[in-house]
Amino acid sequence: MLLLNDIKPEMSIYYCASLLIKEIKKQEGQDIVSLYKTVKEKHRISLKIFAYCLDWLYLIEAAKVDKKGGVYLCT
């Protein structure tokens, strides 16, 4: 599911995570709910895919969430 071989690669976790990174760069510190609403409006990502992407970005140490729920990119 990270990389798909079918005709819709734009639904892969890898691609959707790149969309999340772009949105986080625009407004770092945005809370998770606001980030999801922004990404959903622009790219029509489901909550399940959003959660997988955020988890994956955390696991590869590309993004972190603070105690208040703000999402930041790791540098």
C-alpha atoms as a PDB file:
ATOM      1  CA  MET A   1       0.000   0.000   0.000  1.00  0.00           C
ATOM      2  CA  LEU A   2       2.990   2.252   0.371  1.00  0.00           C
ATOM      3  CA  LEU A   3       3.544   2.113  -3.381  1.00  0.00           C
ATOM      4  CA  LEU A   4       0.743   0.813  -5.575  1.00  0.00           C
ATOM      5  CA  ASN A   5       1.152  -0.954  -8.891  1.00  0.00           C
ATOM      6  CA  ASP A   6      -2.356  -0.326 -10.174  1.00  0.00           C
ATOM      7  CA  ILE A   7      -3.742   2.549 -12.222  1.00  0.00           C
ATOM      8  CA  LYS A   8      -4.176   4.961  -9.274  1.00  0.00           C
ATOM      9  CA  PRO A   9      -0.733   5.677  -7.856  1.00  0.00           C
ATOM     10  CA  GLU A  10      -2.039   8.994  -6.478  1.00  0.00           C
ATOM     11  CA  MET A  11      -3.783   6.984  -3.742  1.00  0.00           C
ATOM     12  CA  SER A  12      -0.524   5.502  -2.433  1.00  0.00           C
ATOM     13  CA  ILE A  13       0.719   6.404   1.036  1.00  0.00           C
ATOM     14  CA  TYR A  14       3.975   7.610  -0.492  1.00  0.00           C
ATOM     15  CA  TYR A  15       2.226  10.142  -2.746  1.00  0.00           C
ATOM     16  CA  CYS A  16      -0.336  11.269  -0.180  1.00  0.00           C
ATOM     17  CA  ALA A  17       2.402  11.776   2.419  1.00  0.00           C
ATOM     18  CA  SER A  18       4.124  14.161   0.017  1.00  0.00           C
ATOM     19  CA  LEU A  19       0.892  16.171  -0.107  1.00  0.00           C
ATOM     20  CA  LEU A  20       0.873  16.286   3.686  1.00  0.00           C
ATOM     21  CA  ILE A  21       4.456  17.536   3.746  1.00  0.00           C
ATOM     22  CA  LYS A  22       3.529  20.372   1.380  1.00  0.00           C
ATOM     23  CA  GLU A  23       0.619  21.409   3.604  1.00  0.00           C
ATOM     24  CA  ILE A  24       2.679  21.195   6.791  1.00  0.00           C
ATOM     25  CA  LYS A  25       5.354  23.403   5.190  1.00  0.00           C
ATOM     26  CA  LYS A  26       2.724  26.038   4.424  1.00  0.00           C
ATOM     27  CA  GLN A  27       1.599  26.260   8.035  1.00  0.00           C
ATOM     28  CA  GLU A  28       3.696  24.435  10.619  1.00  0.00           C
ATOM     29  CA  GLY A  29       2.126  23.963  14.027  1.00  0.00           C
ATOM     30  CA  GLN A  30      -1.332  23.468  12.564  1.00  0.00           C
ATOM     31  CA  ASP A  31      -3.341  20.991  14.645  1.00  0.00           C
ATOM     32  CA  ILE A  32      -4.140  17.553  13.227  1.00  0.00           C
ATOM     33  CA  VAL A  33      -7.852  18.220  12.673  1.00  0.00           C
ATOM     34  CA  SER A  34      -7.232  21.458  10.776  1.00  0.00           C
ATOM     35  CA  LEU A  35      -4.519  19.784   8.722  1.00  0.00           C
ATOM     36  CA  TYR A  36      -6.885  16.948   7.809  1.00  0.00           C
ATOM     37  CA  LYS A  37      -9.638  19.378   6.794  1.00  0.00           C
ATOM     38  CA  THR A  38      -7.227  21.328   4.591  1.00  0.00           C
ATOM     39  CA  VAL A  39      -5.836  18.226   2.897  1.00  0.00           C
ATOM     40  CA  LYS A  40      -9.289  16.687   2.458  1.00  0.00           C
ATOM     41  CA  GLU A  41     -10.649  19.816   0.754  1.00  0.00           C
ATOM     42  CA  LYS A  42      -7.712  20.094  -1.644  1.00  0.00           C
ATOM     43  CA  HIS A  43      -6.919  16.459  -2.390  1.00  0.00           C
ATOM     44  CA  ARG A  44      -9.902  14.350  -1.228  1.00  0.00           C
ATOM     45  CA  ILE A  45      -7.890  12.083   1.068  1.00  0.00           C
ATOM     46  CA  SER A  46      -9.798   9.787   3.416  1.00  0.00           C
ATOM     47  CA  LEU A  47      -9.216   9.874   7.162  1.00  0.00           C
ATOM     48  CA  LYS A  48      -7.735   6.370   7.020  1.00  0.00           C
ATOM     49  CA  ILE A  49      -5.143   7.332   4.380  1.00  0.00           C
ATOM     50  CA  PHE A  50      -4.414  10.585   6.257  1.00  0.00           C
ATOM     51  CA  ALA A  51      -3.713   8.628   9.459  1.00  0.00           C
ATOM     52  CA  TYR A  52      -1.475   6.132   7.617  1.00  0.00           C
ATOM     53  CA  CYS A  53       0.469   8.997   6.031  1.00  0.00           C
ATOM     54  CA  LEU A  54       0.933  10.822   9.314  1.00  0.00           C
ATOM     55  CA  ASP A  55       2.039   7.582  11.004  1.00  0.00           C
ATOM     56  CA  TRP A  56       4.498   6.853   8.202  1.00  0.00           C
ATOM     57  CA  LEU A  57       5.952  10.374   8.330  1.00  0.00           C
ATOM     58  CA  TYR A  58       6.400   9.960  12.081  1.00  0.00           C
ATOM     59  CA  LEU A  59       8.063   6.555  11.705  1.00  0.00           C
ATOM     60  CA  ILE A  60      10.601   7.846   9.188  1.00  0.00           C
ATOM     61  CA  GLU A  61      11.168  10.884  11.429  1.00  0.00           C
ATOM     62  CA  ALA A  62       9.938  13.364   8.830  1.00  0.00           C
ATOM     63  CA  ALA A  63       7.159  14.846  10.998  1.00  0.00           C
ATOM     64  CA  LYS A  64       6.331  15.111  14.672  1.00  0.00           C
ATOM     65  CA  VAL A  65       3.296  16.066  16.735  1.00  0.00           C
ATOM     66  CA  ASP A  66       3.720  18.117  19.893  1.00  0.00           C
ATOM     67  CA  LYS A  67       1.694  17.726  23.087  1.00  0.00           C
ATOM     68  CA  LYS A  68      -0.834  20.325  21.930  1.00  0.00           C
ATOM     69  CA  GLY A  69      -1.482  18.454  18.669  1.00  0.00           C
ATOM     70  CA  GLY A  70       0.535  20.737  16.398  1.00  0.00           C
ATOM     71  CA  VAL A  71       2.219  19.034  13.452  1.00  0.00           C
ATOM     72  CA  TYR A  72       5.807  20.025  12.569  1.00  0.00           C
ATOM     73  CA  LEU A  73       8.391  18.822  10.090  1.00  0.00           C
ATOM     74  CA  CYS A  74      11.629  17.430  11.485  1.00  0.00           C
ATOM     75  CA  THR A  75      14.745  19.139  10.199  1.00  0.00           C
END
